[in-house]
Amino acid sequence: MGFTYSHIDIGATVYQALGIAPSAEVRDRFDRSVRLNRGEVITPLYSGAEV
């Protein structure tokens, strides 16, 4: 049985594909530290494993 993925996992996968660490932290306009994404990269897309 496969895993269930969510929209935040898709976001993390897109960041990864662009060469940006999904767990990277950036600053908002109020100078607060914000994590880009809390999802998990969908690694079967890269490994060829069945989802």
PDB file of N, CA and C in Angstrom:
ATOM      1  N   MET A   1       0.845  -1.186   0.000  1.00  0.00           N
ATOM      2  CA  MET A   1       0.000   0.000   0.000  1.00  0.00           C
ATOM      3  C   MET A   1       0.887   1.244   0.000  1.00  0.00           C
ATOM      4  N   GLY A   2       0.520   2.249  -0.773  1.00  0.00           N
ATOM      5  CA  GLY A   2       1.326   3.450  -0.931  1.00  0.00           C
ATOM      6  C   GLY A   2       1.069   4.493   0.146  1.00  0.00           C
ATOM      7  N   PHE A   3       1.823   5.529   0.048  1.00  0.00           N
ATOM      8  CA  PHE A   3       1.687   6.642   0.981  1.00  0.00           C
ATOM      9  C   PHE A   3       0.644   7.616   0.460  1.00  0.00           C
ATOM     10  N   THR A   4       0.108   8.408   1.346  1.00  0.00           N
ATOM     11  CA  THR A   4      -0.791   9.488   0.966  1.00  0.00           C
ATOM     12  C   THR A   4      -0.001  10.785   0.989  1.00  0.00           C
ATOM     13  N   TYR A   5      -0.053  11.529  -0.092  1.00  0.00           N
ATOM     14  CA  TYR A   5       0.672  12.794  -0.188  1.00  0.00           C
ATOM     15  C   TYR A   5      -0.312  13.943  -0.168  1.00  0.00           C
ATOM     16  N   SER A   6       0.145  15.083   0.306  1.00  0.00           N
ATOM     17  CA  SER A   6      -0.721  16.258   0.379  1.00  0.00           C
ATOM     18  C   SER A   6      -0.130  17.387  -0.454  1.00  0.00           C
ATOM     19  N   HIS A   7      -0.842  18.482  -0.497  1.00  0.00           N
ATOM     20  CA  HIS A   7      -0.388  19.642  -1.257  1.00  0.00           C
ATOM     21  C   HIS A   7       0.934  20.196  -0.729  1.00  0.00           C
ATOM     22  N   ILE A   8       1.180  20.084   0.564  1.00  0.00           N
ATOM     23  CA  ILE A   8       2.458  20.586   1.079  1.00  0.00           C
ATOM     24  C   ILE A   8       3.619  19.693   0.648  1.00  0.00           C
ATOM     25  N   ASP A   9       3.354  18.411   0.429  1.00  0.00           N
ATOM     26  CA  ASP A   9       4.384  17.516  -0.092  1.00  0.00           C
ATOM     27  C   ASP A   9       4.713  17.875  -1.542  1.00  0.00           C
ATOM     28  N   ILE A  10       3.716  18.246  -2.311  1.00  0.00           N
ATOM     29  CA  ILE A  10       3.951  18.684  -3.689  1.00  0.00           C
ATOM     30  C   ILE A  10       4.792  19.961  -3.682  1.00  0.00           C
ATOM     31  N   GLY A  11       4.468  20.867  -2.785  1.00  0.00           N
ATOM     32  CA  GLY A  11       5.258  22.096  -2.658  1.00  0.00           C
ATOM     33  C   GLY A  11       6.702  21.805  -2.310  1.00  0.00           C
ATOM     34  N   ALA A  12       6.929  20.899  -1.372  1.00  0.00           N
ATOM     35  CA  ALA A  12       8.292  20.526  -0.987  1.00  0.00           C
ATOM     36  C   ALA A  12       9.036  19.908  -2.166  1.00  0.00           C
ATOM     37  N   THR A  13       8.338  19.113  -2.954  1.00  0.00           N
ATOM     38  CA  THR A  13       8.938  18.469  -4.121  1.00  0.00           C
ATOM     39  C   THR A  13       9.317  19.508  -5.172  1.00  0.00           C
ATOM     40  N   VAL A  14       8.483  20.500  -5.380  1.00  0.00           N
ATOM     41  CA  VAL A  14       8.785  21.570  -6.335  1.00  0.00           C
ATOM     42  C   VAL A  14      10.005  22.362  -5.869  1.00  0.00           C
ATOM     43  N   TYR A  15      10.045  22.727  -4.592  1.00  0.00           N
ATOM     44  CA  TYR A  15      11.226  23.436  -4.070  1.00  0.00           C
ATOM     45  C   TYR A  15      12.485  22.607  -4.293  1.00  0.00           C
ATOM     46  N   GLN A  16      12.418  21.329  -3.992  1.00  0.00           N
ATOM     47  CA  GLN A  16      13.562  20.431  -4.166  1.00  0.00           C
ATOM     48  C   GLN A  16      14.001  20.407  -5.633  1.00  0.00           C
ATOM     49  N   ALA A  17      13.044  20.325  -6.547  1.00  0.00           N
ATOM     50  CA  ALA A  17      13.355  20.293  -7.981  1.00  0.00           C
ATOM     51  C   ALA A  17      14.022  21.589  -8.442  1.00  0.00           C
ATOM     52  N   LEU A  18      13.696  22.687  -7.783  1.00  0.00           N
ATOM     53  CA  LEU A  18      14.297  23.981  -8.121  1.00  0.00           C
ATOM     54  C   LEU A  18      15.634  24.197  -7.428  1.00  0.00           C
ATOM     55  N   GLY A  19      16.047  23.240  -6.603  1.00  0.00           N
ATOM     56  CA  GLY A  19      17.321  23.367  -5.904  1.00  0.00           C
ATOM     57  C   GLY A  19      17.237  24.153  -4.616  1.00  0.00           C
ATOM     58  N   ILE A  20      16.035  24.327  -4.100  1.00  0.00           N
ATOM     59  CA  ILE A  20      15.811  25.062  -2.848  1.00  0.00           C
ATOM     60  C   ILE A  20      15.432  24.055  -1.781  1.00  0.00           C
ATOM     61  N   ALA A  21      16.113  24.080  -0.665  1.00  0.00           N
ATOM     62  CA  ALA A  21      15.787  23.163   0.422  1.00  0.00           C
ATOM     63  C   ALA A  21      14.404  23.513   0.972  1.00  0.00           C
ATOM     64  N   PRO A  22      13.466  22.564   0.980  1.00  0.00           N
ATOM     65  CA  PRO A  22      12.120  22.853   1.476  1.00  0.00           C
ATOM     66  C   PRO A  22      12.108  23.301   2.938  1.00  0.00           C
ATOM     67  N   SER A  23      13.100  22.902   3.685  1.00  0.00           N
ATOM     68  CA  SER A  23      13.148  23.277   5.104  1.00  0.00           C
ATOM     69  C   SER A  23      13.876  24.599   5.346  1.00  0.00           C
ATOM     70  N   ALA A  24      14.282  25.274   4.269  1.00  0.00           N
ATOM     71  CA  ALA A  24      14.987  26.556   4.406  1.00  0.00           C
ATOM     72  C   ALA A  24      14.093  27.570   5.122  1.00  0.00           C
ATOM     73  N   GLU A  25      14.739  28.451   5.846  1.00  0.00           N
ATOM     74  CA  GLU A  25      13.998  29.511   6.534  1.00  0.00           C
ATOM     75  C   GLU A  25      14.282  30.839   5.871  1.00  0.00           C
ATOM     76  N   VAL A  26      13.237  31.628   5.717  1.00  0.00           N
ATOM     77  CA  VAL A  26      13.341  32.965   5.139  1.00  0.00           C
ATOM     78  C   VAL A  26      12.744  33.958   6.133  1.00  0.00           C
ATOM     79  N   ARG A  27      12.933  35.224   5.864  1.00  0.00           N
ATOM     80  CA  ARG A  27      12.376  36.267   6.743  1.00  0.00           C
ATOM     81  C   ARG A  27      11.181  36.913   6.065  1.00  0.00           C
ATOM     82  N   ASP A  28      10.108  37.112   6.821  1.00  0.00           N
ATOM     83  CA  ASP A  28       8.966  37.820   6.266  1.00  0.00           C
ATOM     84  C   ASP A  28       9.194  39.322   6.402  1.00  0.00           C
ATOM     85  N   ARG A  29       8.229  40.097   5.986  1.00  0.00           N
ATOM     86  CA  ARG A  29       8.423  41.553   6.003  1.00  0.00           C
ATOM     87  C   ARG A  29       8.501  42.141   7.408  1.00  0.00           C
ATOM     88  N   PHE A  30       8.147  41.341   8.422  1.00  0.00           N
ATOM     89  CA  PHE A  30       8.274  41.788   9.805  1.00  0.00           C
ATOM     90  C   PHE A  30       9.524  41.207  10.448  1.00  0.00           C
ATOM     91  N   ASP A  31      10.408  40.640   9.618  1.00  0.00           N
ATOM     92  CA  ASP A  31      11.687  40.062  10.020  1.00  0.00           C
ATOM     93  C   ASP A  31      11.534  38.835  10.916  1.00  0.00           C
ATOM     94  N   ARG A  32      10.424  38.130  10.754  1.00  0.00           N
ATOM     95  CA  ARG A  32      10.219  36.883  11.489  1.00  0.00           C
ATOM     96  C   ARG A  32      10.725  35.724  10.636  1.00  0.00           C
ATOM     97  N   SER A  33      11.317  34.749  11.270  1.00  0.00           N
ATOM     98  CA  SER A  33      11.806  33.573  10.572  1.00  0.00           C
ATOM     99  C   SER A  33      10.633  32.649  10.249  1.00  0.00           C
ATOM    100  N   VAL A  34      10.528  32.261   8.971  1.00  0.00           N
ATOM    101  CA  VAL A  34       9.431  31.417   8.508  1.00  0.00           C
ATOM    102  C   VAL A  34      10.018  30.270   7.686  1.00  0.00           C
ATOM    103  N   ARG A  35       9.611  29.057   7.976  1.00  0.00           N
ATOM    104  CA  ARG A  35      10.061  27.903   7.198  1.00  0.00           C
ATOM    105  C   ARG A  35       9.283  27.873   5.881  1.00  0.00           C
ATOM    106  N   LEU A  36       9.994  27.640   4.770  1.00  0.00           N
ATOM    107  CA  LEU A  36       9.338  27.637   3.462  1.00  0.00           C
ATOM    108  C   LEU A  36       8.239  26.600   3.365  1.00  0.00           C
ATOM    109  N   ASN A  37       8.525  25.384   3.827  1.00  0.00           N
ATOM    110  CA  ASN A  37       7.575  24.304   3.631  1.00  0.00           C
ATOM    111  C   ASN A  37       7.765  23.252   4.709  1.00  0.00           C
ATOM    112  N   ARG A  38       6.691  22.663   5.168  1.00  0.00           N
ATOM    113  CA  ARG A  38       6.760  21.610   6.189  1.00  0.00           C
ATOM    114  C   ARG A  38       6.461  20.224   5.622  1.00  0.00           C
ATOM    115  N   GLY A  39       6.300  20.132   4.312  1.00  0.00           N
ATOM    116  CA  GLY A  39       6.005  18.856   3.677  1.00  0.00           C
ATOM    117  C   GLY A  39       7.246  18.004   3.476  1.00  0.00           C
ATOM    118  N   GLU A  40       7.021  16.801   2.981  1.00  0.00           N
ATOM    119  CA  GLU A  40       8.096  15.861   2.664  1.00  0.00           C
ATOM    120  C   GLU A  40       8.217  15.736   1.145  1.00  0.00           C
ATOM    121  N   VAL A  41       9.451  15.689   0.668  1.00  0.00           N
ATOM    122  CA  VAL A  41       9.680  15.512  -0.763  1.00  0.00           C
ATOM    123  C   VAL A  41       9.159  14.134  -1.183  1.00  0.00           C
ATOM    124  N   ILE A  42       8.480  14.071  -2.304  1.00  0.00           N
ATOM    125  CA  ILE A  42       7.946  12.811  -2.821  1.00  0.00           C
ATOM    126  C   ILE A  42       9.081  12.098  -3.553  1.00  0.00           C
ATOM    127  N   THR A  43       9.886  11.362  -2.813  1.00  0.00           N
ATOM    128  CA  THR A  43      11.098  10.751  -3.362  1.00  0.00           C
ATOM    129  C   THR A  43      10.839   9.683  -4.423  1.00  0.00           C
ATOM    130  N   PRO A  44       9.708   8.960  -4.421  1.00  0.00           N
ATOM    131  CA  PRO A  44       9.497   7.998  -5.518  1.00  0.00           C
ATOM    132  C   PRO A  44       9.491   8.639  -6.900  1.00  0.00           C
ATOM    133  N   LEU A  45       9.226   9.927  -6.986  1.00  0.00           N
ATOM    134  CA  LEU A  45       9.283  10.602  -8.277  1.00  0.00           C
ATOM    135  C   LEU A  45      10.702  10.622  -8.828  1.00  0.00           C
ATOM    136  N   TYR A  46      11.690  10.616  -7.920  1.00  0.00           N
ATOM    137  CA  TYR A  46      13.087  10.663  -8.318  1.00  0.00           C
ATOM    138  C   TYR A  46      13.710   9.274  -8.409  1.00  0.00           C
ATOM    139  N   SER A  47      13.214   8.346  -7.651  1.00  0.00           N
ATOM    140  CA  SER A  47      13.844   7.019  -7.568  1.00  0.00           C
ATOM    141  C   SER A  47      13.227   6.003  -8.528  1.00  0.00           C
ATOM    142  N   GLY A  48      12.068   6.309  -9.062  1.00  0.00           N
ATOM    143  CA  GLY A  48      11.394   5.371  -9.958  1.00  0.00           C
ATOM    144  C   GLY A  48      10.618   4.292  -9.216  1.00  0.00           C
ATOM    145  N   ALA A  49      10.571   4.385  -7.889  1.00  0.00           N
ATOM    146  CA  ALA A  49       9.820   3.403  -7.084  1.00  0.00           C
ATOM    147  C   ALA A  49       8.322   3.628  -7.306  1.00  0.00           C
ATOM    148  N   GLU A  50       7.571   2.572  -7.094  1.00  0.00           N
ATOM    149  CA  GLU A  50       6.114   2.690  -7.218  1.00  0.00           C
ATOM    150  C   GLU A  50       5.563   3.500  -6.068  1.00  0.00           C
ATOM    151  N   VAL A  51       4.560   4.306  -6.371  1.00  0.00           N
ATOM    152  CA  VAL A  51       3.935   5.153  -5.351  1.00  0.00           C
ATOM    153  C   VAL A  51       2.723   4.461  -4.805  1.00  0.00           C
TER     154      VAL A  51
END
